[in-house]
Structures are given as C-alpha cells and as structure tokens.
Amino acid sequence: MPTKQNILDAMHWLVEDAHPHDALFFHYSGHGGQIPDKDGDEVNGFDDVICPVDYKKAGTVVDDQMHRIMVKSLPAGCRLTAIFDSCHSGTALDLPYTYHLNGRLKESGTTPRFQREKATHATVISFSGCRDDQTSDDTTRGGVAVGAMSHAFVKSLKKNPEQSYQELLKSIRDNLKQRHRQQPQLSSSHPIDTCRRFIL
C-alpha cells in the first residue's frame, strides 16, 4: 500500500546500502502537486510533492525530502535513474541541471544560493512526466489506467533500446504529443553529456 510511511521506507531501503558503481532505479506513477516553498530554494516559489494514498492525513512527500533521501545520501560513483510520472514533477528531485531537447542546459529551477548545495558527485538522472507548471495525464492500455509518460518511456525503449539521453527524451515527447500536452523533462545532479547512450 503506497502510504506516506511505506513510500519513505522504500526510498530509504533503495539507497541504504548504496556503493560506488551501483546502479539504482526508482519509479513513481501517481498523483503530484505543489505547495509553497518555505526554504527559498525554488525559483518558482513552489515545492513539488507526490501524494501518497493517505496524504490527507499523513501529508505529502516533498521534493526537498526526496532529494535528501535519494540524492544527497548517494556516494560518488553511484548512479540512480528516477522516473516521476506525476503532475508538477519537472523538478521532483530538486536536481540542479535540466536540459532542452537539443541537449543544452536550461535555466535552473533552483535558486543560485541552493544550486551548489543540490549538486552531488553521484550521478542522478531524472525523467519526469511534465514541467513543474504542467499536469501529467493517464492513458489506458488493455483496459488498465497507466501513466501516459510511463507508457511512452517503455514504448520508446522497446522500439529502440540504444538511444542517447537526448534521443530518448525526444522519442518520449514524440510518443506523447499526438494526444497529450505535457512535456517530459530530463534533469541531472551534475552536468552530463546528453549524447551519451542511456543506461539504467
């Protein structure tokens, strides 16, 4: 059951014994939202959150918290690939580097005061379902509701498993754009060469 405590426990479990050269994977597909930023690290003034099934009672899981657990705790040389298929998820892990389709860096969603603090020596890559100011759609496959971005991600890799990060971002967006307005985002914990092959 995806309660707040179970989600936090799973995040801690994922990273607790992480070592250099480990490759970790995290996927969240569900509800997301935004709340006012209280520590001044967000350019847009809002923290991104994910919403557990018990969020009305237990509260949401905030991007600052996810960053502390799954990004800051990782050792140098460790790699985490994260997929956030939820509304307002563009900077769900508060990673300081976000990329255009052509591989160039966008302006950071993190304020300059916090940009260095959010960077790490571990390699953390996040694909998110949309920009911070957008919502992520559901779609139906085989009579079952699934996240549209999650479906596009799997479809893109099945069609072509050997893509660069840049190519994968473009193919995910291409798979979505006929029926959905959301724009998936690619971000990282330190600058990466987006022309390199995507690996898990």
N, C-alpha and C. Protein backbone atom coordinates (compact mmCIF):
# COMPACT_ATOMS: atom_id res chain seq x y z
N MET A 1 0.85 -1.19 0.00
CA MET A 1 0.00 0.00 0.00
C MET A 1 0.89 1.25 0.00
N PRO A 2 0.72 2.15 -0.97
CA PRO A 2 1.59 3.33 -1.07
C PRO A 2 1.22 4.46 -0.09
N THR A 3 1.31 4.16 1.20
CA THR A 3 1.15 5.19 2.22
C THR A 3 2.41 6.04 2.28
N LYS A 4 2.33 7.18 2.95
CA LYS A 4 3.49 8.04 3.06
C LYS A 4 4.65 7.31 3.72
N GLN A 5 4.39 6.63 4.83
CA GLN A 5 5.46 5.93 5.53
C GLN A 5 6.06 4.82 4.68
N ASN A 6 5.23 4.08 3.96
CA ASN A 6 5.74 3.00 3.11
C ASN A 6 6.59 3.54 1.96
N ILE A 7 6.17 4.67 1.38
CA ILE A 7 6.96 5.28 0.31
C ILE A 7 8.31 5.75 0.84
N LEU A 8 8.31 6.43 1.99
CA LEU A 8 9.57 6.88 2.58
C LEU A 8 10.46 5.71 2.96
N ASP A 9 9.87 4.66 3.51
CA ASP A 9 10.64 3.46 3.86
C ASP A 9 11.27 2.84 2.62
N ALA A 10 10.52 2.81 1.52
CA ALA A 10 11.04 2.23 0.27
C ALA A 10 12.19 3.07 -0.28
N MET A 11 12.08 4.39 -0.17
CA MET A 11 13.16 5.27 -0.63
C MET A 11 14.43 5.03 0.19
N HIS A 12 14.28 4.95 1.50
CA HIS A 12 15.43 4.66 2.37
C HIS A 12 16.02 3.29 2.05
N TRP A 13 15.15 2.30 1.85
CA TRP A 13 15.63 0.94 1.54
C TRP A 13 16.45 0.93 0.26
N LEU A 14 15.98 1.69 -0.74
CA LEU A 14 16.66 1.72 -2.05
C LEU A 14 18.11 2.17 -1.92
N VAL A 15 18.36 3.17 -1.09
CA VAL A 15 19.68 3.80 -1.06
C VAL A 15 20.55 3.41 0.15
N GLU A 16 19.98 2.65 1.10
CA GLU A 16 20.69 2.49 2.37
C GLU A 16 22.05 1.79 2.25
N ASP A 17 22.21 0.86 1.34
CA ASP A 17 23.50 0.16 1.19
C ASP A 17 24.17 0.51 -0.12
N ALA A 18 23.91 1.69 -0.65
CA ALA A 18 24.46 2.06 -1.95
C ALA A 18 25.97 2.23 -1.89
N HIS A 19 26.65 1.73 -2.92
CA HIS A 19 28.10 1.81 -3.04
C HIS A 19 28.47 2.39 -4.40
N PRO A 20 29.71 2.86 -4.54
CA PRO A 20 30.17 3.27 -5.87
C PRO A 20 29.97 2.14 -6.88
N HIS A 21 29.60 2.46 -8.08
CA HIS A 21 29.36 1.53 -9.20
C HIS A 21 28.01 0.82 -9.10
N ASP A 22 27.20 1.08 -8.06
CA ASP A 22 25.85 0.56 -8.01
C ASP A 22 24.97 1.34 -8.99
N ALA A 23 23.98 0.66 -9.57
CA ALA A 23 23.00 1.31 -10.44
C ALA A 23 21.62 1.07 -9.83
N LEU A 24 20.95 2.14 -9.45
CA LEU A 24 19.66 2.07 -8.78
C LEU A 24 18.58 2.63 -9.69
N PHE A 25 17.33 2.16 -9.47
CA PHE A 25 16.21 2.63 -10.28
C PHE A 25 15.02 2.92 -9.38
N PHE A 26 14.37 4.07 -9.61
CA PHE A 26 13.18 4.45 -8.84
C PHE A 26 12.11 4.91 -9.83
N HIS A 27 10.88 4.43 -9.62
CA HIS A 27 9.77 4.83 -10.48
C HIS A 27 8.56 5.17 -9.62
N TYR A 28 7.99 6.35 -9.86
CA TYR A 28 6.74 6.75 -9.20
C TYR A 28 5.75 7.18 -10.26
N SER A 29 4.57 6.58 -10.24
CA SER A 29 3.49 6.99 -11.12
C SER A 29 2.25 7.16 -10.24
N GLY A 30 1.81 8.38 -10.11
CA GLY A 30 0.68 8.66 -9.22
C GLY A 30 0.40 10.15 -9.19
N HIS A 31 -0.29 10.58 -8.15
CA HIS A 31 -0.66 11.99 -8.04
C HIS A 31 0.51 12.83 -7.54
N GLY A 32 0.58 14.05 -8.06
CA GLY A 32 1.57 15.01 -7.62
C GLY A 32 0.94 16.38 -7.47
N GLY A 33 1.65 17.28 -6.84
CA GLY A 33 1.12 18.62 -6.64
C GLY A 33 2.22 19.59 -6.28
N GLN A 34 1.83 20.75 -5.80
CA GLN A 34 2.78 21.78 -5.38
C GLN A 34 2.30 22.41 -4.08
N ILE A 35 3.26 22.83 -3.27
CA ILE A 35 2.97 23.57 -2.04
C ILE A 35 3.94 24.75 -1.98
N PRO A 36 3.61 25.80 -1.24
CA PRO A 36 4.52 26.94 -1.14
C PRO A 36 5.89 26.52 -0.60
N ASP A 37 6.93 27.04 -1.24
CA ASP A 37 8.32 26.76 -0.84
C ASP A 37 8.65 27.55 0.43
N LYS A 38 9.16 26.85 1.44
CA LYS A 38 9.44 27.51 2.72
C LYS A 38 10.91 27.83 2.95
N ASP A 39 11.82 27.22 2.17
CA ASP A 39 13.25 27.46 2.43
C ASP A 39 13.95 28.29 1.35
N GLY A 40 13.21 28.75 0.34
CA GLY A 40 13.77 29.65 -0.65
C GLY A 40 14.62 29.02 -1.72
N ASP A 41 14.51 27.69 -1.93
CA ASP A 41 15.35 27.03 -2.92
C ASP A 41 14.71 26.93 -4.30
N GLU A 42 13.42 27.28 -4.42
CA GLU A 42 12.71 27.13 -5.68
C GLU A 42 12.52 28.47 -6.38
N VAL A 43 12.92 28.55 -7.64
CA VAL A 43 12.77 29.77 -8.42
C VAL A 43 11.30 30.16 -8.55
N ASN A 44 10.43 29.16 -8.75
CA ASN A 44 9.01 29.45 -8.97
C ASN A 44 8.22 29.63 -7.67
N GLY A 45 8.88 29.46 -6.52
CA GLY A 45 8.22 29.66 -5.24
C GLY A 45 7.41 28.49 -4.73
N PHE A 46 7.51 27.33 -5.43
CA PHE A 46 6.74 26.15 -5.02
C PHE A 46 7.63 24.91 -4.94
N ASP A 47 7.40 24.10 -3.91
CA ASP A 47 7.99 22.78 -3.84
C ASP A 47 7.07 21.81 -4.56
N ASP A 48 7.67 20.85 -5.27
CA ASP A 48 6.90 19.78 -5.90
C ASP A 48 6.71 18.67 -4.88
N VAL A 49 5.55 18.03 -4.92
CA VAL A 49 5.25 16.96 -3.97
C VAL A 49 4.64 15.77 -4.70
N ILE A 50 4.76 14.60 -4.08
CA ILE A 50 3.99 13.45 -4.51
C ILE A 50 2.97 13.15 -3.41
N CYS A 51 1.85 12.56 -3.81
CA CYS A 51 0.73 12.40 -2.90
C CYS A 51 0.45 10.92 -2.61
N PRO A 52 0.85 10.44 -1.44
CA PRO A 52 0.53 9.07 -1.06
C PRO A 52 -0.99 8.89 -0.90
N VAL A 53 -1.44 7.64 -0.78
CA VAL A 53 -2.88 7.40 -0.64
C VAL A 53 -3.43 8.03 0.64
N ASP A 54 -2.59 8.21 1.65
CA ASP A 54 -3.06 8.77 2.91
C ASP A 54 -2.62 10.23 3.09
N TYR A 55 -2.41 10.96 1.99
CA TYR A 55 -1.86 12.32 2.11
C TYR A 55 -2.76 13.27 2.89
N LYS A 56 -4.06 13.04 2.87
CA LYS A 56 -4.95 13.94 3.61
C LYS A 56 -4.71 13.85 5.11
N LYS A 57 -4.27 12.69 5.56
CA LYS A 57 -3.99 12.52 6.99
C LYS A 57 -2.50 12.66 7.29
N ALA A 58 -1.65 12.04 6.47
CA ALA A 58 -0.21 11.98 6.75
C ALA A 58 0.59 13.08 6.07
N GLY A 59 0.00 13.73 5.06
CA GLY A 59 0.71 14.77 4.33
C GLY A 59 1.40 14.22 3.08
N THR A 60 1.97 15.12 2.31
CA THR A 60 2.64 14.77 1.06
C THR A 60 4.12 14.49 1.31
N VAL A 61 4.79 13.98 0.27
CA VAL A 61 6.25 13.80 0.30
C VAL A 61 6.84 14.92 -0.55
N VAL A 62 7.64 15.78 0.06
CA VAL A 62 8.13 17.00 -0.58
C VAL A 62 9.46 16.75 -1.30
N ASP A 63 9.69 17.50 -2.39
CA ASP A 63 10.91 17.31 -3.18
C ASP A 63 12.18 17.47 -2.35
N ASP A 64 12.20 18.40 -1.39
CA ASP A 64 13.38 18.57 -0.53
C ASP A 64 13.70 17.28 0.22
N GLN A 65 12.66 16.63 0.70
CA GLN A 65 12.81 15.39 1.44
C GLN A 65 13.32 14.27 0.53
N MET A 66 12.75 14.16 -0.67
CA MET A 66 13.19 13.13 -1.62
C MET A 66 14.64 13.36 -2.02
N HIS A 67 15.03 14.64 -2.17
CA HIS A 67 16.42 14.97 -2.52
C HIS A 67 17.37 14.52 -1.41
N ARG A 68 17.00 14.82 -0.16
CA ARG A 68 17.87 14.41 0.97
C ARG A 68 18.03 12.90 1.02
N ILE A 69 16.93 12.17 0.81
CA ILE A 69 16.97 10.71 0.95
C ILE A 69 17.66 10.05 -0.24
N MET A 70 17.24 10.40 -1.46
CA MET A 70 17.66 9.62 -2.63
C MET A 70 18.78 10.25 -3.45
N VAL A 71 19.15 11.48 -3.17
CA VAL A 71 20.21 12.13 -3.95
C VAL A 71 21.43 12.39 -3.07
N LYS A 72 21.24 13.16 -2.01
CA LYS A 72 22.37 13.56 -1.16
C LYS A 72 23.04 12.39 -0.46
N SER A 73 22.29 11.33 -0.22
CA SER A 73 22.85 10.20 0.54
C SER A 73 23.72 9.28 -0.31
N LEU A 74 23.71 9.46 -1.65
CA LEU A 74 24.42 8.53 -2.52
C LEU A 74 25.91 8.84 -2.59
N PRO A 75 26.75 7.80 -2.62
CA PRO A 75 28.19 8.03 -2.73
C PRO A 75 28.61 8.37 -4.15
N ALA A 76 29.74 9.00 -4.31
CA ALA A 76 30.30 9.27 -5.63
C ALA A 76 30.45 7.96 -6.39
N GLY A 77 30.14 7.97 -7.67
CA GLY A 77 30.27 6.76 -8.48
C GLY A 77 29.03 5.91 -8.52
N CYS A 78 28.03 6.22 -7.71
CA CYS A 78 26.76 5.51 -7.73
C CYS A 78 25.84 6.20 -8.73
N ARG A 79 24.95 5.44 -9.38
CA ARG A 79 24.02 6.01 -10.35
C ARG A 79 22.58 5.68 -9.97
N LEU A 80 21.74 6.68 -9.99
CA LEU A 80 20.30 6.49 -9.78
C LEU A 80 19.56 7.05 -10.97
N THR A 81 18.69 6.24 -11.56
CA THR A 81 17.78 6.70 -12.59
C THR A 81 16.39 6.74 -11.99
N ALA A 82 15.74 7.89 -12.07
CA ALA A 82 14.42 8.06 -11.47
C ALA A 82 13.41 8.49 -12.52
N ILE A 83 12.21 7.93 -12.43
CA ILE A 83 11.10 8.29 -13.30
C ILE A 83 9.98 8.81 -12.41
N PHE A 84 9.56 10.03 -12.65
CA PHE A 84 8.42 10.61 -11.93
C PHE A 84 7.31 10.91 -12.93
N ASP A 85 6.26 10.11 -12.89
CA ASP A 85 5.13 10.28 -13.79
C ASP A 85 3.97 10.83 -12.98
N SER A 86 4.05 12.13 -12.69
CA SER A 86 3.05 12.77 -11.85
C SER A 86 2.95 14.25 -12.21
N CYS A 87 1.88 14.87 -11.82
CA CYS A 87 1.69 16.30 -12.09
C CYS A 87 2.76 17.12 -11.38
N HIS A 88 3.18 18.21 -12.01
CA HIS A 88 4.13 19.17 -11.43
C HIS A 88 5.46 18.50 -11.04
N SER A 89 5.92 17.55 -11.86
CA SER A 89 7.07 16.73 -11.47
C SER A 89 8.38 17.15 -12.12
N GLY A 90 8.40 18.28 -12.83
CA GLY A 90 9.59 18.67 -13.57
C GLY A 90 10.87 18.65 -12.77
N THR A 91 10.80 19.12 -11.53
CA THR A 91 11.99 19.13 -10.66
C THR A 91 11.71 18.37 -9.36
N ALA A 92 11.06 17.22 -9.48
CA ALA A 92 10.63 16.46 -8.31
C ALA A 92 11.78 16.05 -7.39
N LEU A 93 12.97 15.88 -7.92
CA LEU A 93 14.13 15.53 -7.09
C LEU A 93 15.02 16.73 -6.81
N ASP A 94 14.60 17.91 -7.21
CA ASP A 94 15.39 19.13 -6.99
C ASP A 94 16.80 19.02 -7.58
N LEU A 95 16.92 18.40 -8.75
CA LEU A 95 18.23 18.30 -9.39
C LEU A 95 18.54 19.63 -10.07
N PRO A 96 19.77 20.11 -9.98
CA PRO A 96 20.08 21.47 -10.42
C PRO A 96 20.25 21.67 -11.93
N TYR A 97 20.30 20.60 -12.71
CA TYR A 97 20.54 20.74 -14.15
C TYR A 97 19.40 20.12 -14.95
N THR A 98 18.77 20.92 -15.82
CA THR A 98 17.68 20.46 -16.66
C THR A 98 18.02 20.80 -18.12
N TYR A 99 17.57 19.95 -19.05
CA TYR A 99 18.04 20.02 -20.44
C TYR A 99 16.93 20.29 -21.43
N HIS A 100 17.29 21.08 -22.48
CA HIS A 100 16.43 21.25 -23.64
C HIS A 100 16.53 19.98 -24.51
N LEU A 101 15.65 19.87 -25.49
CA LEU A 101 15.68 18.73 -26.41
C LEU A 101 16.99 18.63 -27.17
N ASN A 102 17.66 19.77 -27.40
CA ASN A 102 18.92 19.76 -28.13
C ASN A 102 20.12 19.47 -27.23
N GLY A 103 19.86 19.17 -25.95
CA GLY A 103 20.93 18.82 -25.03
C GLY A 103 21.52 19.99 -24.26
N ARG A 104 21.13 21.20 -24.62
CA ARG A 104 21.66 22.37 -23.91
C ARG A 104 20.97 22.52 -22.56
N LEU A 105 21.69 23.11 -21.62
CA LEU A 105 21.14 23.32 -20.28
C LEU A 105 20.09 24.42 -20.29
N LYS A 106 19.02 24.20 -19.54
CA LYS A 106 18.03 25.24 -19.29
C LYS A 106 18.46 26.03 -18.07
N GLU A 107 17.75 27.12 -17.82
CA GLU A 107 17.97 27.82 -16.55
C GLU A 107 17.53 26.91 -15.43
N SER A 108 18.26 26.93 -14.34
CA SER A 108 17.96 26.05 -13.22
C SER A 108 16.66 26.45 -12.54
N GLY A 109 15.91 25.43 -12.08
CA GLY A 109 14.72 25.68 -11.27
C GLY A 109 15.07 25.95 -9.82
N THR A 110 16.36 25.80 -9.51
CA THR A 110 16.86 26.01 -8.16
C THR A 110 17.52 27.38 -8.07
N THR A 111 17.27 28.10 -7.00
CA THR A 111 17.87 29.43 -6.84
C THR A 111 19.39 29.31 -6.75
N PRO A 112 20.13 30.33 -7.21
CA PRO A 112 21.61 30.26 -7.20
C PRO A 112 22.18 29.89 -5.83
N ARG A 113 21.55 30.37 -4.77
CA ARG A 113 22.04 30.08 -3.42
C ARG A 113 22.03 28.58 -3.12
N PHE A 114 21.09 27.86 -3.74
CA PHE A 114 20.95 26.44 -3.43
C PHE A 114 21.52 25.53 -4.51
N GLN A 115 21.95 26.10 -5.65
CA GLN A 115 22.36 25.25 -6.77
C GLN A 115 23.55 24.36 -6.40
N ARG A 116 24.56 24.94 -5.76
CA ARG A 116 25.71 24.12 -5.36
C ARG A 116 25.33 23.07 -4.34
N GLU A 117 24.45 23.46 -3.43
CA GLU A 117 24.03 22.53 -2.38
C GLU A 117 23.27 21.33 -2.95
N LYS A 118 22.55 21.53 -4.06
CA LYS A 118 21.76 20.46 -4.64
C LYS A 118 22.58 19.54 -5.56
N ALA A 119 23.77 19.97 -5.97
CA ALA A 119 24.62 19.15 -6.84
C ALA A 119 25.28 18.04 -6.01
N THR A 120 25.60 16.91 -6.66
CA THR A 120 26.26 15.80 -5.97
C THR A 120 27.29 15.16 -6.89
N HIS A 121 28.15 14.34 -6.31
CA HIS A 121 29.13 13.59 -7.11
C HIS A 121 28.54 12.27 -7.61
N ALA A 122 27.45 11.82 -7.01
CA ALA A 122 26.73 10.67 -7.56
C ALA A 122 26.03 11.12 -8.84
N THR A 123 25.79 10.18 -9.75
CA THR A 123 25.10 10.51 -10.99
C THR A 123 23.62 10.17 -10.83
N VAL A 124 22.82 11.21 -10.71
CA VAL A 124 21.37 11.04 -10.59
C VAL A 124 20.72 11.66 -11.81
N ILE A 125 19.95 10.85 -12.53
CA ILE A 125 19.25 11.27 -13.74
C ILE A 125 17.76 11.09 -13.50
N SER A 126 16.98 12.11 -13.83
CA SER A 126 15.54 12.01 -13.66
C SER A 126 14.82 12.35 -14.95
N PHE A 127 13.88 11.48 -15.32
CA PHE A 127 12.92 11.77 -16.37
C PHE A 127 11.59 12.03 -15.67
N SER A 128 10.99 13.19 -15.92
CA SER A 128 9.71 13.50 -15.28
C SER A 128 8.62 13.67 -16.33
N GLY A 129 7.39 13.48 -15.90
CA GLY A 129 6.27 13.45 -16.82
C GLY A 129 5.92 14.78 -17.45
N CYS A 130 6.34 15.88 -16.81
CA CYS A 130 5.94 17.19 -17.31
C CYS A 130 6.79 18.28 -16.66
N ARG A 131 6.59 19.52 -17.09
CA ARG A 131 7.22 20.65 -16.43
C ARG A 131 6.56 20.88 -15.08
N ASP A 132 7.19 21.69 -14.24
CA ASP A 132 6.62 21.99 -12.92
C ASP A 132 5.26 22.66 -13.02
N ASP A 133 5.01 23.38 -14.10
CA ASP A 133 3.75 24.12 -14.24
C ASP A 133 2.70 23.35 -15.05
N GLN A 134 2.93 22.04 -15.26
CA GLN A 134 2.01 21.25 -16.06
C GLN A 134 1.46 20.06 -15.25
N THR A 135 0.46 19.41 -15.84
CA THR A 135 -0.07 18.18 -15.27
C THR A 135 0.32 17.01 -16.17
N SER A 136 0.37 15.82 -15.58
CA SER A 136 0.68 14.59 -16.32
C SER A 136 -0.59 13.77 -16.48
N ASP A 137 -0.81 13.27 -17.68
CA ASP A 137 -2.04 12.55 -17.98
C ASP A 137 -1.92 11.06 -17.71
N ASP A 138 -3.09 10.45 -17.60
CA ASP A 138 -3.20 8.99 -17.63
C ASP A 138 -3.60 8.58 -19.03
N THR A 139 -3.40 7.30 -19.33
CA THR A 139 -3.90 6.72 -20.56
C THR A 139 -4.37 5.32 -20.21
N THR A 140 -4.99 4.64 -21.14
CA THR A 140 -5.50 3.29 -20.87
C THR A 140 -4.85 2.31 -21.83
N ARG A 141 -4.33 1.23 -21.26
CA ARG A 141 -3.73 0.16 -22.06
C ARG A 141 -4.28 -1.17 -21.57
N GLY A 142 -4.94 -1.90 -22.46
CA GLY A 142 -5.51 -3.20 -22.08
C GLY A 142 -6.57 -3.06 -21.01
N GLY A 143 -7.30 -1.93 -21.02
CA GLY A 143 -8.36 -1.72 -20.04
C GLY A 143 -7.88 -1.27 -18.68
N VAL A 144 -6.56 -1.00 -18.57
CA VAL A 144 -5.98 -0.58 -17.29
C VAL A 144 -5.43 0.83 -17.43
N ALA A 145 -5.72 1.67 -16.44
CA ALA A 145 -5.19 3.04 -16.44
C ALA A 145 -3.70 3.01 -16.10
N VAL A 146 -2.90 3.69 -16.92
CA VAL A 146 -1.46 3.80 -16.69
C VAL A 146 -1.03 5.24 -16.93
N GLY A 147 0.10 5.62 -16.36
CA GLY A 147 0.64 6.95 -16.62
C GLY A 147 1.07 7.07 -18.08
N ALA A 148 0.66 8.15 -18.73
CA ALA A 148 0.97 8.32 -20.15
C ALA A 148 2.48 8.38 -20.38
N MET A 149 3.20 9.08 -19.49
CA MET A 149 4.65 9.19 -19.67
C MET A 149 5.34 7.86 -19.44
N SER A 150 4.89 7.10 -18.43
CA SER A 150 5.47 5.78 -18.17
C SER A 150 5.30 4.88 -19.39
N HIS A 151 4.11 4.93 -19.99
CA HIS A 151 3.85 4.12 -21.18
C HIS A 151 4.74 4.57 -22.34
N ALA A 152 4.88 5.88 -22.51
CA ALA A 152 5.72 6.40 -23.60
C ALA A 152 7.19 6.04 -23.39
N PHE A 153 7.64 6.05 -22.15
CA PHE A 153 9.03 5.70 -21.81
C PHE A 153 9.32 4.25 -22.21
N VAL A 154 8.44 3.33 -21.80
CA VAL A 154 8.62 1.91 -22.12
C VAL A 154 8.51 1.68 -23.62
N LYS A 155 7.53 2.31 -24.25
CA LYS A 155 7.35 2.17 -25.70
C LYS A 155 8.59 2.64 -26.46
N SER A 156 9.17 3.76 -26.02
CA SER A 156 10.35 4.30 -26.69
C SER A 156 11.53 3.35 -26.59
N LEU A 157 11.74 2.78 -25.40
CA LEU A 157 12.87 1.87 -25.21
C LEU A 157 12.66 0.52 -25.88
N LYS A 158 11.42 0.06 -25.94
CA LYS A 158 11.15 -1.20 -26.65
C LYS A 158 11.43 -1.04 -28.14
N LYS A 159 11.05 0.11 -28.68
CA LYS A 159 11.25 0.35 -30.12
C LYS A 159 12.73 0.52 -30.43
N ASN A 160 13.47 1.20 -29.55
CA ASN A 160 14.89 1.43 -29.79
C ASN A 160 15.63 1.45 -28.45
N PRO A 161 16.18 0.31 -28.02
CA PRO A 161 16.85 0.24 -26.72
C PRO A 161 18.17 1.01 -26.66
N GLU A 162 18.73 1.34 -27.82
CA GLU A 162 20.03 2.02 -27.85
C GLU A 162 19.86 3.47 -28.30
N GLN A 163 19.44 4.30 -27.35
CA GLN A 163 19.25 5.72 -27.61
C GLN A 163 20.11 6.54 -26.66
N SER A 164 20.44 7.73 -27.08
CA SER A 164 21.10 8.66 -26.16
C SER A 164 20.03 9.25 -25.24
N TYR A 165 20.48 9.92 -24.18
CA TYR A 165 19.54 10.59 -23.28
C TYR A 165 18.69 11.60 -24.05
N GLN A 166 19.35 12.34 -24.93
CA GLN A 166 18.68 13.34 -25.75
C GLN A 166 17.65 12.70 -26.68
N GLU A 167 18.03 11.62 -27.34
CA GLU A 167 17.12 10.92 -28.25
C GLU A 167 15.94 10.31 -27.49
N LEU A 168 16.21 9.78 -26.30
CA LEU A 168 15.13 9.18 -25.51
C LEU A 168 14.12 10.24 -25.07
N LEU A 169 14.60 11.39 -24.62
CA LEU A 169 13.69 12.47 -24.25
C LEU A 169 12.83 12.87 -25.44
N LYS A 170 13.44 13.00 -26.61
CA LYS A 170 12.69 13.38 -27.81
C LYS A 170 11.67 12.30 -28.19
N SER A 171 12.06 11.03 -28.12
CA SER A 171 11.12 9.97 -28.53
C SER A 171 9.97 9.84 -27.53
N ILE A 172 10.22 10.08 -26.24
CA ILE A 172 9.13 10.08 -25.26
C ILE A 172 8.15 11.21 -25.58
N ARG A 173 8.69 12.40 -25.84
CA ARG A 173 7.83 13.53 -26.18
C ARG A 173 7.05 13.28 -27.47
N ASP A 174 7.73 12.69 -28.47
CA ASP A 174 7.06 12.39 -29.73
C ASP A 174 5.91 11.41 -29.53
N ASN A 175 6.11 10.41 -28.66
CA ASN A 175 5.07 9.44 -28.38
C ASN A 175 3.86 10.06 -27.68
N LEU A 176 4.09 11.15 -26.95
CA LEU A 176 3.01 11.78 -26.19
C LEU A 176 2.28 12.88 -26.95
N LYS A 177 2.98 13.57 -27.86
CA LYS A 177 2.46 14.84 -28.35
C LYS A 177 1.18 14.75 -29.18
N GLN A 178 0.86 13.58 -29.73
CA GLN A 178 -0.36 13.47 -30.53
C GLN A 178 -1.62 13.57 -29.67
N ARG A 179 -1.53 13.09 -28.41
CA ARG A 179 -2.73 13.06 -27.56
C ARG A 179 -2.58 13.85 -26.26
N HIS A 180 -1.37 14.28 -25.94
CA HIS A 180 -1.13 14.90 -24.63
C HIS A 180 -0.32 16.19 -24.80
N ARG A 181 -0.56 17.14 -23.91
CA ARG A 181 0.13 18.44 -24.00
C ARG A 181 1.35 18.52 -23.08
N GLN A 182 1.53 17.56 -22.20
CA GLN A 182 2.63 17.60 -21.24
C GLN A 182 3.98 17.46 -21.95
N GLN A 183 5.02 18.05 -21.35
CA GLN A 183 6.37 17.98 -21.91
C GLN A 183 7.31 17.34 -20.88
N PRO A 184 7.61 16.06 -21.02
CA PRO A 184 8.55 15.41 -20.10
C PRO A 184 9.89 16.14 -20.05
N GLN A 185 10.52 16.06 -18.89
CA GLN A 185 11.77 16.78 -18.63
C GLN A 185 12.89 15.80 -18.28
N LEU A 186 14.11 16.20 -18.59
CA LEU A 186 15.31 15.45 -18.23
C LEU A 186 16.16 16.34 -17.35
N SER A 187 16.57 15.84 -16.19
CA SER A 187 17.42 16.62 -15.29
C SER A 187 18.47 15.72 -14.66
N SER A 188 19.50 16.35 -14.09
CA SER A 188 20.62 15.58 -13.53
C SER A 188 21.25 16.32 -12.35
N SER A 189 22.02 15.55 -11.58
CA SER A 189 22.66 16.07 -10.37
C SER A 189 23.95 16.82 -10.68
N HIS A 190 24.54 16.58 -11.82
CA HIS A 190 25.70 17.32 -12.32
C HIS A 190 25.60 17.33 -13.83
N PRO A 191 26.30 18.22 -14.52
CA PRO A 191 26.17 18.26 -15.99
C PRO A 191 26.55 16.93 -16.63
N ILE A 192 25.75 16.50 -17.61
CA ILE A 192 26.01 15.25 -18.32
C ILE A 192 26.05 15.53 -19.82
N ASP A 193 26.68 14.64 -20.54
CA ASP A 193 26.67 14.69 -22.00
C ASP A 193 25.43 13.94 -22.45
N THR A 194 24.41 14.66 -22.89
CA THR A 194 23.14 14.02 -23.25
C THR A 194 23.21 13.23 -24.55
N CYS A 195 24.36 13.30 -25.24
CA CYS A 195 24.56 12.50 -26.44
C CYS A 195 25.05 11.09 -26.10
N ARG A 196 25.40 10.87 -24.85
CA ARG A 196 25.82 9.53 -24.44
C ARG A 196 24.62 8.59 -24.38
N ARG A 197 24.88 7.30 -24.55
CA ARG A 197 23.80 6.31 -24.56
C ARG A 197 23.13 6.21 -23.18
N PHE A 198 21.80 6.17 -23.21
CA PHE A 198 21.03 5.98 -21.98
C PHE A 198 21.30 4.59 -21.43
N ILE A 199 21.60 4.52 -20.13
CA ILE A 199 21.76 3.24 -19.45
C ILE A 199 21.02 3.30 -18.13
N LEU A 200 20.60 2.13 -17.66
CA LEU A 200 19.94 2.07 -16.35
C LEU A 200 20.94 1.79 -15.25
